[in-house]
Amino acid sequence: MEVVRSTWEKLVLDESKDVFVLFHDPKDKHSIDALHPMKELAEHCAGVKDMMIAQIDVTQNEVDRVDISHLPAFKLYPKGK
């Protein structure tokens, strides 16, 4: 699922789900290489109701309280936290 700044809190910070996020730049080769495995992971986890696999284009979306030092970057937002 593609997340944007306006949906960040609702989707990623939803404490009822584990959310695994790929932070990427669509023009960066390493970020592009990470998209296919993330798509496969999302398909594999599609039936898990309390888990979401997401991605956000950091060149178009800046979110508060997230510090990314390199791309691609991955972060798990566990439910209940």
C-alpha atoms as a PDB file:
ATOM      1  CA  MET A   1       0.000   0.000   0.000  1.00  0.00           C
ATOM      2  CA  GLU A   2       1.334   3.409  -0.937  1.00  0.00           C
ATOM      3  CA  VAL A   3       1.233   5.822   1.980  1.00  0.00           C
ATOM      4  CA  VAL A   4       1.379   9.605   1.620  1.00  0.00           C
ATOM      5  CA  ARG A   5       1.794  12.329   4.202  1.00  0.00           C
ATOM      6  CA  SER A   6      -1.960  12.859   4.571  1.00  0.00           C
ATOM      7  CA  THR A   7      -2.587   9.149   5.304  1.00  0.00           C
ATOM      8  CA  TRP A   8       0.540   8.502   7.413  1.00  0.00           C
ATOM      9  CA  GLU A   9      -1.034   8.756  10.872  1.00  0.00           C
ATOM     10  CA  LYS A  10      -4.214   6.900   9.963  1.00  0.00           C
ATOM     11  CA  LEU A  11      -2.468   3.997   8.234  1.00  0.00           C
ATOM     12  CA  VAL A  12       1.017   3.635   9.709  1.00  0.00           C
ATOM     13  CA  LEU A  13       0.420   4.761  13.276  1.00  0.00           C
ATOM     14  CA  ASP A  14      -2.668   2.541  13.607  1.00  0.00           C
ATOM     15  CA  GLU A  15      -1.923   0.745  16.886  1.00  0.00           C
ATOM     16  CA  SER A  16      -4.213  -2.176  15.966  1.00  0.00           C
ATOM     17  CA  LYS A  17      -1.791  -3.377  13.262  1.00  0.00           C
ATOM     18  CA  ASP A  18       1.852  -4.225  12.723  1.00  0.00           C
ATOM     19  CA  VAL A  19       2.983  -1.983   9.860  1.00  0.00           C
ATOM     20  CA  PHE A  20       6.205  -2.635   7.931  1.00  0.00           C
ATOM     21  CA  VAL A  21       7.233   0.407   5.880  1.00  0.00           C
ATOM     22  CA  LEU A  22       9.658   0.849   3.004  1.00  0.00           C
ATOM     23  CA  PHE A  23      10.945   4.417   2.730  1.00  0.00           C
ATOM     24  CA  HIS A  24      12.105   4.905  -0.846  1.00  0.00           C
ATOM     25  CA  ASP A  25      13.119   7.267  -3.630  1.00  0.00           C
ATOM     26  CA  PRO A  26      11.578   6.131  -6.951  1.00  0.00           C
ATOM     27  CA  LYS A  27      14.690   7.315  -8.845  1.00  0.00           C
ATOM     28  CA  ASP A  28      17.204   5.486  -6.634  1.00  0.00           C
ATOM     29  CA  LYS A  29      18.393   2.113  -7.990  1.00  0.00           C
ATOM     30  CA  HIS A  30      18.543   0.457  -4.564  1.00  0.00           C
ATOM     31  CA  SER A  31      15.059   1.700  -3.729  1.00  0.00           C
ATOM     32  CA  ILE A  32      13.747   0.387  -7.048  1.00  0.00           C
ATOM     33  CA  ASP A  33      15.380  -2.982  -6.344  1.00  0.00           C
ATOM     34  CA  ALA A  34      13.564  -3.139  -2.981  1.00  0.00           C
ATOM     35  CA  LEU A  35      10.090  -2.631  -4.476  1.00  0.00           C
ATOM     36  CA  HIS A  36       9.666  -6.137  -5.920  1.00  0.00           C
ATOM     37  CA  PRO A  37      10.472  -8.017  -2.682  1.00  0.00           C
ATOM     38  CA  MET A  38       8.151  -5.654  -0.799  1.00  0.00           C
ATOM     39  CA  LYS A  39       5.358  -6.420  -3.287  1.00  0.00           C
ATOM     40  CA  GLU A  40       5.944 -10.149  -2.775  1.00  0.00           C
ATOM     41  CA  LEU A  41       5.901  -9.671   0.991  1.00  0.00           C
ATOM     42  CA  ALA A  42       2.638  -7.728   0.762  1.00  0.00           C
ATOM     43  CA  GLU A  43       1.061 -10.505  -1.324  1.00  0.00           C
ATOM     44  CA  HIS A  44       2.274 -13.135   1.141  1.00  0.00           C
ATOM     45  CA  CYS A  45       0.844 -11.210   4.110  1.00  0.00           C
ATOM     46  CA  ALA A  46      -2.406 -10.165   2.418  1.00  0.00           C
ATOM     47  CA  GLY A  47      -4.507 -12.512   4.565  1.00  0.00           C
ATOM     48  CA  VAL A  48      -3.084 -11.279   7.861  1.00  0.00           C
ATOM     49  CA  LYS A  49      -5.672  -8.840   9.181  1.00  0.00           C
ATOM     50  CA  ASP A  50      -3.488  -7.160  11.789  1.00  0.00           C
ATOM     51  CA  MET A  51      -0.513  -6.526   9.490  1.00  0.00           C
ATOM     52  CA  MET A  52       0.104  -4.074   6.674  1.00  0.00           C
ATOM     53  CA  ILE A  53       3.026  -3.760   4.279  1.00  0.00           C
ATOM     54  CA  ALA A  54       3.447  -0.173   3.094  1.00  0.00           C
ATOM     55  CA  GLN A  55       5.761   2.106   1.191  1.00  0.00           C
ATOM     56  CA  ILE A  56       6.268   5.841   1.103  1.00  0.00           C
ATOM     57  CA  ASP A  57       8.071   7.990  -1.452  1.00  0.00           C
ATOM     58  CA  VAL A  58      10.238  10.225   0.713  1.00  0.00           C
ATOM     59  CA  THR A  59      10.923  12.621  -2.160  1.00  0.00           C
ATOM     60  CA  GLN A  60       7.242  13.623  -2.193  1.00  0.00           C
ATOM     61  CA  ASN A  61       6.191  13.002   1.416  1.00  0.00           C
ATOM     62  CA  GLU A  62       7.812  14.248   4.590  1.00  0.00           C
ATOM     63  CA  VAL A  63       6.430  12.855   7.835  1.00  0.00           C
ATOM     64  CA  ASP A  64       6.991  14.068  11.376  1.00  0.00           C
ATOM     65  CA  ARG A  65       9.216  12.181  13.836  1.00  0.00           C
ATOM     66  CA  VAL A  66      10.850   9.986  11.169  1.00  0.00           C
ATOM     67  CA  ASP A  67      14.582  10.265  10.629  1.00  0.00           C
ATOM     68  CA  ILE A  68      15.920   8.370   7.611  1.00  0.00           C
ATOM     69  CA  SER A  69      19.675   8.384   7.048  1.00  0.00           C
ATOM     70  CA  HIS A  70      19.827   6.227   3.907  1.00  0.00           C
ATOM     71  CA  LEU A  71      17.578   4.765   1.230  1.00  0.00           C
ATOM     72  CA  PRO A  72      15.966   2.432   0.963  1.00  0.00           C
ATOM     73  CA  ALA A  73      15.072   2.194   4.617  1.00  0.00           C
ATOM     74  CA  PHE A  74      12.738  -0.190   6.400  1.00  0.00           C
ATOM     75  CA  LYS A  75      10.934   0.275   9.683  1.00  0.00           C
ATOM     76  CA  LEU A  76       8.473  -1.816  11.638  1.00  0.00           C
ATOM     77  CA  TYR A  77       5.738  -0.012  13.552  1.00  0.00           C
ATOM     78  CA  PRO A  78       4.451  -2.710  15.941  1.00  0.00           C
ATOM     79  CA  LYS A  79       0.846  -2.778  17.031  1.00  0.00           C
ATOM     80  CA  GLY A  80       0.119  -1.488  20.490  1.00  0.00           C
ATOM     81  CA  LYS A  81       3.095   0.908  20.521  1.00  0.00           C
END
